[in-house]
Amino acid sequence: LLLAVSGIFTIISVWGIFELIPDYGIFCGG
């Protein structure tokens, strides 16, 4: 049971890490 739940958490963690890797910013226009 814990292994199954940890699998779901792993997917969420990996998705979050990949979302944090790219650099983002606010473009001032021009």
PDB file of all heavy atoms in Angstrom:
ATOM      1  N   LEU A   1       0.830  -1.209   0.000  1.00  0.00           N
ATOM      2  CA  LEU A   1       0.000   0.000   0.000  1.00  0.00           C
ATOM      3  C   LEU A   1       0.866   1.261   0.000  1.00  0.00           C
ATOM      4  O   LEU A   1       0.627   2.191  -0.783  1.00  0.00           O
ATOM      5  CB  LEU A   1      -0.921  -0.015   1.224  1.00  0.00           C
ATOM      6  CG  LEU A   1      -1.857   1.204   1.372  1.00  0.00           C
ATOM      7  CD1 LEU A   1      -2.801   1.274   0.171  1.00  0.00           C
ATOM      8  CD2 LEU A   1      -2.647   1.110   2.675  1.00  0.00           C
ATOM      9  N   LEU A   2       1.866   1.277   0.884  1.00  0.00           N
ATOM     10  CA  LEU A   2       2.757   2.443   0.924  1.00  0.00           C
ATOM     11  C   LEU A   2       3.549   2.574  -0.370  1.00  0.00           C
ATOM     12  O   LEU A   2       3.808   3.697  -0.839  1.00  0.00           O
ATOM     13  CB  LEU A   2       3.721   2.314   2.107  1.00  0.00           C
ATOM     14  CG  LEU A   2       3.213   2.799   3.463  1.00  0.00           C
ATOM     15  CD1 LEU A   2       4.220   2.508   4.548  1.00  0.00           C
ATOM     16  CD2 LEU A   2       2.917   4.302   3.400  1.00  0.00           C
ATOM     17  N   LEU A   3       3.929   1.457  -0.962  1.00  0.00           N
ATOM     18  CA  LEU A   3       4.676   1.506  -2.220  1.00  0.00           C
ATOM     19  C   LEU A   3       3.828   2.088  -3.344  1.00  0.00           C
ATOM     20  O   LEU A   3       4.314   2.857  -4.179  1.00  0.00           O
ATOM     21  CB  LEU A   3       5.148   0.093  -2.580  1.00  0.00           C
ATOM     22  CG  LEU A   3       6.305   0.004  -3.590  1.00  0.00           C
ATOM     23  CD1 LEU A   3       7.539   0.700  -3.043  1.00  0.00           C
ATOM     24  CD2 LEU A   3       6.608  -1.451  -3.906  1.00  0.00           C
ATOM     25  N   ALA A   4       2.542   1.738  -3.363  1.00  0.00           N
ATOM     26  CA  ALA A   4       1.637   2.288  -4.381  1.00  0.00           C
ATOM     27  C   ALA A   4       1.459   3.790  -4.196  1.00  0.00           C
ATOM     28  O   ALA A   4       1.484   4.566  -5.168  1.00  0.00           O
ATOM     29  CB  ALA A   4       0.290   1.570  -4.319  1.00  0.00           C
ATOM     30  N   VAL A   5       1.269   4.224  -2.939  1.00  0.00           N
ATOM     31  CA  VAL A   5       1.110   5.655  -2.669  1.00  0.00           C
ATOM     32  C   VAL A   5       2.390   6.410  -3.005  1.00  0.00           C
ATOM     33  O   VAL A   5       2.365   7.509  -3.566  1.00  0.00           O
ATOM     34  CB  VAL A   5       0.711   5.883  -1.200  1.00  0.00           C
ATOM     35  CG1 VAL A   5       0.650   7.373  -0.890  1.00  0.00           C
ATOM     36  CG2 VAL A   5      -0.626   5.221  -0.905  1.00  0.00           C
ATOM     37  N   SER A   6       3.548   5.804  -2.674  1.00  0.00           N
ATOM     38  CA  SER A   6       4.820   6.456  -2.985  1.00  0.00           C
ATOM     39  C   SER A   6       5.021   6.593  -4.487  1.00  0.00           C
ATOM     40  O   SER A   6       5.670   7.535  -4.963  1.00  0.00           O
ATOM     41  CB  SER A   6       5.985   5.674  -2.374  1.00  0.00           C
ATOM     42  OG  SER A   6       6.090   4.377  -2.955  1.00  0.00           O
ATOM     43  N   GLY A   7       4.448   5.665  -5.270  1.00  0.00           N
ATOM     44  CA  GLY A   7       4.528   5.776  -6.739  1.00  0.00           C
ATOM     45  C   GLY A   7       3.804   7.013  -7.236  1.00  0.00           C
ATOM     46  O   GLY A   7       4.292   7.722  -8.126  1.00  0.00           O
ATOM     47  N   ILE A   8       2.620   7.286  -6.650  1.00  0.00           N
ATOM     48  CA  ILE A   8       1.868   8.491  -7.022  1.00  0.00           C
ATOM     49  C   ILE A   8       2.652   9.745  -6.632  1.00  0.00           C
ATOM     50  O   ILE A   8       2.770  10.699  -7.402  1.00  0.00           O
ATOM     51  CB  ILE A   8       0.479   8.476  -6.362  1.00  0.00           C
ATOM     52  CG1 ILE A   8      -0.332   7.262  -6.843  1.00  0.00           C
ATOM     53  CG2 ILE A   8      -0.264   9.777  -6.644  1.00  0.00           C
ATOM     54  CD1 ILE A   8      -1.648   7.083  -6.123  1.00  0.00           C
ATOM     55  N   PHE A   9       3.212   9.713  -5.416  1.00  0.00           N
ATOM     56  CA  PHE A   9       3.996  10.861  -4.962  1.00  0.00           C
ATOM     57  C   PHE A   9       5.241  11.059  -5.832  1.00  0.00           C
ATOM     58  O   PHE A   9       5.680  12.188  -6.053  1.00  0.00           O
ATOM     59  CB  PHE A   9       4.395  10.666  -3.492  1.00  0.00           C
ATOM     60  CG  PHE A   9       3.352  11.149  -2.525  1.00  0.00           C
ATOM     61  CD1 PHE A   9       2.062  10.651  -2.561  1.00  0.00           C
ATOM     62  CD2 PHE A   9       3.646  12.117  -1.579  1.00  0.00           C
ATOM     63  CE1 PHE A   9       1.090  11.089  -1.678  1.00  0.00           C
ATOM     64  CE2 PHE A   9       2.688  12.574  -0.686  1.00  0.00           C
ATOM     65  CZ  PHE A   9       1.401  12.053  -0.733  1.00  0.00           C
ATOM     66  N   THR A  10       5.813   9.959  -6.302  1.00  0.00           N
ATOM     67  CA  THR A  10       6.994  10.055  -7.178  1.00  0.00           C
ATOM     68  C   THR A  10       6.651  10.779  -8.472  1.00  0.00           C
ATOM     69  O   THR A  10       7.405  11.644  -8.946  1.00  0.00           O
ATOM     70  CB  THR A  10       7.546   8.658  -7.487  1.00  0.00           C
ATOM     71  OG1 THR A  10       7.901   8.007  -6.267  1.00  0.00           O
ATOM     72  CG2 THR A  10       8.759   8.740  -8.394  1.00  0.00           C
ATOM     73  N   ILE A  11       5.501  10.425  -9.051  1.00  0.00           N
ATOM     74  CA  ILE A  11       5.072  11.072 -10.295  1.00  0.00           C
ATOM     75  C   ILE A  11       4.882  12.574 -10.074  1.00  0.00           C
ATOM     76  O   ILE A  11       5.326  13.407 -10.872  1.00  0.00           O
ATOM     77  CB  ILE A  11       3.778  10.430 -10.818  1.00  0.00           C
ATOM     78  CG1 ILE A  11       4.030   8.969 -11.208  1.00  0.00           C
ATOM     79  CG2 ILE A  11       3.218  11.214 -12.001  1.00  0.00           C
ATOM     80  CD1 ILE A  11       2.781   8.190 -11.563  1.00  0.00           C
ATOM     81  N   ILE A  12       4.219  12.918  -8.956  1.00  0.00           N
ATOM     82  CA  ILE A  12       4.001  14.335  -8.646  1.00  0.00           C
ATOM     83  C   ILE A  12       5.330  15.045  -8.417  1.00  0.00           C
ATOM     84  O   ILE A  12       5.555  16.172  -8.894  1.00  0.00           O
ATOM     85  CB  ILE A  12       3.086  14.481  -7.413  1.00  0.00           C
ATOM     86  CG1 ILE A  12       1.715  13.875  -7.707  1.00  0.00           C
ATOM     87  CG2 ILE A  12       2.959  15.939  -7.012  1.00  0.00           C
ATOM     88  CD1 ILE A  12       0.786  13.836  -6.511  1.00  0.00           C
ATOM     89  N   SER A  13       6.264  14.396  -7.704  1.00  0.00           N
ATOM     90  CA  SER A  13       7.563  15.010  -7.424  1.00  0.00           C
ATOM     91  C   SER A  13       8.363  15.236  -8.697  1.00  0.00           C
ATOM     92  O   SER A  13       8.947  16.305  -8.896  1.00  0.00           O
ATOM     93  CB  SER A  13       8.360  14.124  -6.457  1.00  0.00           C
ATOM     94  OG  SER A  13       7.677  13.942  -5.242  1.00  0.00           O
ATOM     95  N   VAL A  14       8.385  14.237  -9.567  1.00  0.00           N
ATOM     96  CA  VAL A  14       9.138  14.366 -10.825  1.00  0.00           C
ATOM     97  C   VAL A  14       8.546  15.468 -11.684  1.00  0.00           C
ATOM     98  O   VAL A  14       9.273  16.278 -12.265  1.00  0.00           O
ATOM     99  CB  VAL A  14       9.146  13.021 -11.579  1.00  0.00           C
ATOM    100  CG1 VAL A  14       9.721  13.197 -12.976  1.00  0.00           C
ATOM    101  CG2 VAL A  14       9.954  11.985 -10.802  1.00  0.00           C
ATOM    102  N   TRP A  15       7.218  15.509 -11.764  1.00  0.00           N
ATOM    103  CA  TRP A  15       6.568  16.594 -12.527  1.00  0.00           C
ATOM    104  C   TRP A  15       6.938  17.955 -11.962  1.00  0.00           C
ATOM    105  O   TRP A  15       7.248  18.891 -12.698  1.00  0.00           O
ATOM    106  CB  TRP A  15       5.058  16.404 -12.499  1.00  0.00           C
ATOM    107  CG  TRP A  15       4.319  17.570 -13.098  1.00  0.00           C
ATOM    108  CD1 TRP A  15       4.088  17.819 -14.418  1.00  0.00           C
ATOM    109  CD2 TRP A  15       3.743  18.658 -12.377  1.00  0.00           C
ATOM    110  NE1 TRP A  15       3.399  18.988 -14.578  1.00  0.00           N
ATOM    111  CE2 TRP A  15       3.168  19.538 -13.338  1.00  0.00           C
ATOM    112  CE3 TRP A  15       3.632  18.987 -11.040  1.00  0.00           C
ATOM    113  CZ2 TRP A  15       2.520  20.702 -12.975  1.00  0.00           C
ATOM    114  CZ3 TRP A  15       2.982  20.148 -10.683  1.00  0.00           C
ATOM    115  CH2 TRP A  15       2.434  20.998 -11.627  1.00  0.00           C
ATOM    116  N   GLY A  16       6.904  18.091 -10.626  1.00  0.00           N
ATOM    117  CA  GLY A  16       7.245  19.360 -10.000  1.00  0.00           C
ATOM    118  C   GLY A  16       8.682  19.767 -10.246  1.00  0.00           C
ATOM    119  O   GLY A  16       8.979  20.937 -10.506  1.00  0.00           O
ATOM    120  N   ILE A  17       9.584  18.784 -10.173  1.00  0.00           N
ATOM    121  CA  ILE A  17      11.005  19.084 -10.412  1.00  0.00           C
ATOM    122  C   ILE A  17      11.218  19.569 -11.836  1.00  0.00           C
ATOM    123  O   ILE A  17      11.950  20.534 -12.093  1.00  0.00           O
ATOM    124  CB  ILE A  17      11.865  17.838 -10.111  1.00  0.00           C
ATOM    125  CG1 ILE A  17      11.865  17.574  -8.603  1.00  0.00           C
ATOM    126  CG2 ILE A  17      13.290  18.032 -10.612  1.00  0.00           C
ATOM    127  CD1 ILE A  17      12.489  16.241  -8.217  1.00  0.00           C
ATOM    128  N   PHE A  18      10.566  18.916 -12.812  1.00  0.00           N
ATOM    129  CA  PHE A  18      10.705  19.333 -14.212  1.00  0.00           C
ATOM    130  C   PHE A  18      10.088  20.709 -14.455  1.00  0.00           C
ATOM    131  O   PHE A  18      10.498  21.429 -15.354  1.00  0.00           O
ATOM    132  CB  PHE A  18      10.085  18.296 -15.154  1.00  0.00           C
ATOM    133  CG  PHE A  18      11.023  17.174 -15.500  1.00  0.00           C
ATOM    134  CD1 PHE A  18      10.940  15.960 -14.833  1.00  0.00           C
ATOM    135  CD2 PHE A  18      11.993  17.335 -16.463  1.00  0.00           C
ATOM    136  CE1 PHE A  18      11.804  14.925 -15.128  1.00  0.00           C
ATOM    137  CE2 PHE A  18      12.864  16.305 -16.780  1.00  0.00           C
ATOM    138  CZ  PHE A  18      12.781  15.095 -16.111  1.00  0.00           C
ATOM    139  N   GLU A  19       9.079  21.065 -13.652  1.00  0.00           N
ATOM    140  CA  GLU A  19       8.498  22.399 -13.756  1.00  0.00           C
ATOM    141  C   GLU A  19       9.420  23.458 -13.172  1.00  0.00           C
ATOM    142  O   GLU A  19       9.410  24.610 -13.598  1.00  0.00           O
ATOM    143  CB  GLU A  19       7.145  22.439 -13.045  1.00  0.00           C
ATOM    144  CG  GLU A  19       6.021  21.762 -13.800  1.00  0.00           C
ATOM    145  CD  GLU A  19       5.657  22.494 -15.073  1.00  0.00           C
ATOM    146  OE1 GLU A  19       5.525  23.733 -15.032  1.00  0.00           O
ATOM    147  OE2 GLU A  19       5.528  21.835 -16.118  1.00  0.00           O
ATOM    148  N   LEU A  20      10.227  23.077 -12.185  1.00  0.00           N
ATOM    149  CA  LEU A  20      11.131  24.033 -11.544  1.00  0.00           C
ATOM    150  C   LEU A  20      12.423  24.241 -12.330  1.00  0.00           C
ATOM    151  O   LEU A  20      13.085  25.260 -12.171  1.00  0.00           O
ATOM    152  CB  LEU A  20      11.485  23.547 -10.127  1.00  0.00           C
ATOM    153  CG  LEU A  20      10.392  23.647  -9.059  1.00  0.00           C
ATOM    154  CD1 LEU A  20      10.845  22.981  -7.780  1.00  0.00           C
ATOM    155  CD2 LEU A  20      10.025  25.114  -8.803  1.00  0.00           C
ATOM    156  N   ILE A  21      12.807  23.273 -13.151  1.00  0.00           N
ATOM    157  CA  ILE A  21      14.092  23.352 -13.861  1.00  0.00           C
ATOM    158  C   ILE A  21      14.163  24.526 -14.836  1.00  0.00           C
ATOM    159  O   ILE A  21      15.134  25.283 -14.826  1.00  0.00           O
ATOM    160  CB  ILE A  21      14.382  22.015 -14.576  1.00  0.00           C
ATOM    161  CG1 ILE A  21      14.727  20.938 -13.542  1.00  0.00           C
ATOM    162  CG2 ILE A  21      15.530  22.174 -15.574  1.00  0.00           C
ATOM    163  CD1 ILE A  21      14.911  19.566 -14.126  1.00  0.00           C
ATOM    164  N   PRO A  22      13.173  24.756 -15.729  1.00  0.00           N
ATOM    165  CA  PRO A  22      13.298  25.869 -16.683  1.00  0.00           C
ATOM    166  C   PRO A  22      13.312  27.227 -15.983  1.00  0.00           C
ATOM    167  O   PRO A  22      12.760  27.397 -14.896  1.00  0.00           O
ATOM    168  CB  PRO A  22      12.039  25.719 -17.567  1.00  0.00           C
ATOM    169  CG  PRO A  22      11.544  24.336 -17.329  1.00  0.00           C
ATOM    170  CD  PRO A  22      11.925  23.987 -15.936  1.00  0.00           C
ATOM    171  N   ASP A  23      13.975  28.176 -16.632  1.00  0.00           N
ATOM    172  CA  ASP A  23      14.002  29.557 -16.138  1.00  0.00           C
ATOM    173  C   ASP A  23      12.844  30.342 -16.752  1.00  0.00           C
ATOM    174  O   ASP A  23      12.589  30.248 -17.961  1.00  0.00           O
ATOM    175  CB  ASP A  23      15.324  30.233 -16.493  1.00  0.00           C
ATOM    176  CG  ASP A  23      16.508  29.587 -15.785  1.00  0.00           C
ATOM    177  OD1 ASP A  23      16.319  29.162 -14.638  1.00  0.00           O
ATOM    178  OD2 ASP A  23      17.597  29.505 -16.380  1.00  0.00           O
ATOM    179  N   TYR A  24      12.166  31.124 -15.904  1.00  0.00           N
ATOM    180  CA  TYR A  24      11.059  31.954 -16.365  1.00  0.00           C
ATOM    181  C   TYR A  24      11.329  33.410 -15.978  1.00  0.00           C
ATOM    182  O   TYR A  24      12.152  33.696 -15.100  1.00  0.00           O
ATOM    183  CB  TYR A  24       9.735  31.491 -15.773  1.00  0.00           C
ATOM    184  CG  TYR A  24       9.251  30.173 -16.312  1.00  0.00           C
ATOM    185  CD1 TYR A  24       9.622  28.968 -15.723  1.00  0.00           C
ATOM    186  CD2 TYR A  24       8.417  30.124 -17.431  1.00  0.00           C
ATOM    187  CE1 TYR A  24       9.191  27.752 -16.219  1.00  0.00           C
ATOM    188  CE2 TYR A  24       7.973  28.914 -17.936  1.00  0.00           C
ATOM    189  CZ  TYR A  24       8.363  27.730 -17.328  1.00  0.00           C
ATOM    190  OH  TYR A  24       7.928  26.539 -17.835  1.00  0.00           O
ATOM    191  N   GLY A  25      10.636  34.312 -16.633  1.00  0.00           N
ATOM    192  CA  GLY A  25      10.794  35.725 -16.329  1.00  0.00           C
ATOM    193  C   GLY A  25       9.599  36.520 -16.815  1.00  0.00           C
ATOM    194  O   GLY A  25       8.691  35.994 -17.472  1.00  0.00           O
ATOM    195  N   ILE A  26       9.607  37.802 -16.484  1.00  0.00           N
ATOM    196  CA  ILE A  26       8.570  38.728 -16.946  1.00  0.00           C
ATOM    197  C   ILE A  26       9.192  39.630 -18.005  1.00  0.00           C
ATOM    198  O   ILE A  26      10.170  40.333 -17.755  1.00  0.00           O
ATOM    199  CB  ILE A  26       8.025  39.581 -15.788  1.00  0.00           C
ATOM    200  CG1 ILE A  26       7.410  38.683 -14.712  1.00  0.00           C
ATOM    201  CG2 ILE A  26       6.982  40.570 -16.298  1.00  0.00           C
ATOM    202  CD1 ILE A  26       6.240  37.855 -15.169  1.00  0.00           C
ATOM    203  N   PHE A  27       8.624  39.570 -19.210  1.00  0.00           N
ATOM    204  CA  PHE A  27       9.106  40.370 -20.330  1.00  0.00           C
ATOM    205  C   PHE A  27       8.523  41.777 -20.234  1.00  0.00           C
ATOM    206  O   PHE A  27       7.311  41.951 -20.124  1.00  0.00           O
ATOM    207  CB  PHE A  27       8.702  39.695 -21.641  1.00  0.00           C
ATOM    208  CG  PHE A  27       9.090  40.462 -22.866  1.00  0.00           C
ATOM    209  CD1 PHE A  27      10.343  41.026 -22.994  1.00  0.00           C
ATOM    210  CD2 PHE A  27       8.188  40.606 -23.911  1.00  0.00           C
ATOM    211  CE1 PHE A  27      10.698  41.726 -24.133  1.00  0.00           C
ATOM    212  CE2 PHE A  27       8.529  41.297 -25.052  1.00  0.00           C
ATOM    213  CZ  PHE A  27       9.792  41.861 -25.160  1.00  0.00           C
ATOM    214  N   CYS A  28       9.406  42.784 -20.274  1.00  0.00           N
ATOM    215  CA  CYS A  28       8.974  44.174 -20.107  1.00  0.00           C
ATOM    216  C   CYS A  28       8.414  44.792 -21.380  1.00  0.00           C
ATOM    217  O   CYS A  28       7.985  45.947 -21.364  1.00  0.00           O
ATOM    218  CB  CYS A  28      10.149  45.029 -19.611  1.00  0.00           C
ATOM    219  SG  CYS A  28      10.771  44.528 -18.010  1.00  0.00           S
ATOM    220  N   GLY A  29       8.439  44.047 -22.475  1.00  0.00           N
ATOM    221  CA  GLY A  29       7.955  44.589 -23.737  1.00  0.00           C
ATOM    222  C   GLY A  29       9.069  45.240 -24.528  1.00  0.00           C
ATOM    223  O   GLY A  29      10.123  45.577 -24.000  1.00  0.00           O
ATOM    224  N   GLY A  30       8.865  45.393 -25.817  1.00  0.00           N
ATOM    225  CA  GLY A  30       9.859  46.006 -26.680  1.00  0.00           C
ATOM    226  C   GLY A  30      10.186  45.114 -27.854  1.00  0.00           C
ATOM    227  O   GLY A  30       9.362  44.317 -28.307  1.00  0.00           O
TER     228      GLY A  30
END
